[in-house]
Amino acid sequence: MLSSSGSFTETELGEVRFPEISTPVLEKVCQYFYFKLRHQNSVTKDIPEFKLPPEMALELLRASNYLDT
């Protein structure tokens, strides 16, 4: 999106905004993406659990739905 040749606002400004997602939730989403990337080719079965605060679970579910659509 940011590197496309189109005339999207995101391309012109070099930023993407997610008004429906709070900063702490978006930060946790990015941490999960990094966690998944880091462990996706792991040859061992000892992948650590991704820590997630229970009070953030519903907001993360809503954010995943928003990002998926």
Protein backbone atom coordinates (compact mmCIF):
# COMPACT_ATOMS: atom_id res chain seq x y z
CA MET A 1 0.00 0.00 0.00
CA LEU A 2 2.73 2.47 0.93
CA SER A 3 4.93 1.49 -1.99
CA SER A 4 2.25 1.39 -4.68
CA SER A 5 2.28 3.81 -7.56
CA GLY A 6 -1.35 4.80 -6.92
CA SER A 7 -2.49 8.12 -5.55
CA PHE A 8 -3.68 6.84 -2.19
CA THR A 9 -3.41 9.22 0.75
CA GLU A 10 -1.33 6.59 2.55
CA THR A 11 1.21 6.60 -0.30
CA GLU A 12 1.44 10.38 -0.38
CA LEU A 13 1.78 10.78 3.40
CA GLY A 14 3.79 7.61 4.06
CA GLU A 15 1.54 6.55 6.94
CA VAL A 16 -1.47 4.37 7.58
CA ARG A 17 -4.06 5.27 10.20
CA PHE A 18 -6.32 2.84 12.01
CA PRO A 19 -8.88 5.04 13.79
CA GLU A 20 -10.82 2.02 15.07
CA ILE A 21 -7.81 0.52 16.89
CA SER A 22 -6.23 2.00 20.01
CA THR A 23 -2.46 2.39 20.21
CA PRO A 24 -1.89 -0.32 22.86
CA VAL A 25 -3.94 -2.83 20.87
CA LEU A 26 -2.18 -2.01 17.60
CA GLU A 27 1.16 -2.34 19.38
CA LYS A 28 0.17 -5.82 20.63
CA VAL A 29 -0.88 -6.79 17.08
CA CYS A 30 2.54 -5.72 15.78
CA GLN A 31 4.25 -7.66 18.58
CA TYR A 32 2.30 -10.75 17.56
CA PHE A 33 3.30 -10.33 13.90
CA TYR A 34 6.94 -10.15 14.99
CA PHE A 35 6.48 -13.19 17.28
CA LYS A 36 4.89 -15.20 14.47
CA LEU A 37 7.61 -14.23 11.98
CA ARG A 38 10.34 -15.10 14.46
CA HIS A 39 8.94 -18.56 15.22
CA GLN A 40 7.31 -19.61 11.94
CA ASN A 41 10.27 -21.69 10.72
CA SER A 42 11.20 -23.10 14.09
CA VAL A 43 12.29 -26.73 13.96
CA THR A 44 11.65 -27.32 17.65
CA LYS A 45 8.29 -27.77 19.32
CA ASP A 46 9.35 -25.49 22.18
CA ILE A 47 7.76 -22.29 20.88
CA PRO A 48 7.01 -20.05 23.85
CA GLU A 49 3.48 -18.93 24.55
CA PHE A 50 2.58 -15.47 23.27
CA LYS A 51 1.68 -13.52 26.39
CA LEU A 52 -1.64 -11.74 26.16
CA PRO A 53 -3.34 -9.76 28.93
CA PRO A 54 -6.86 -11.16 29.41
CA GLU A 55 -8.34 -7.67 29.63
CA MET A 56 -7.08 -6.95 26.10
CA ALA A 57 -8.54 -10.10 24.49
CA LEU A 58 -11.86 -8.60 23.36
CA GLU A 59 -10.20 -5.51 21.90
CA LEU A 60 -7.70 -7.70 20.04
CA LEU A 61 -10.53 -9.80 18.64
CA ARG A 62 -12.24 -6.66 17.37
CA ALA A 63 -8.96 -5.39 15.89
CA SER A 64 -8.36 -8.69 14.09
CA ASN A 65 -11.85 -8.53 12.62
CA TYR A 66 -11.28 -4.91 11.53
CA LEU A 67 -7.92 -5.73 9.94
CA ASP A 68 -9.32 -8.81 8.19
CA THR A 69 -12.09 -6.92 6.38
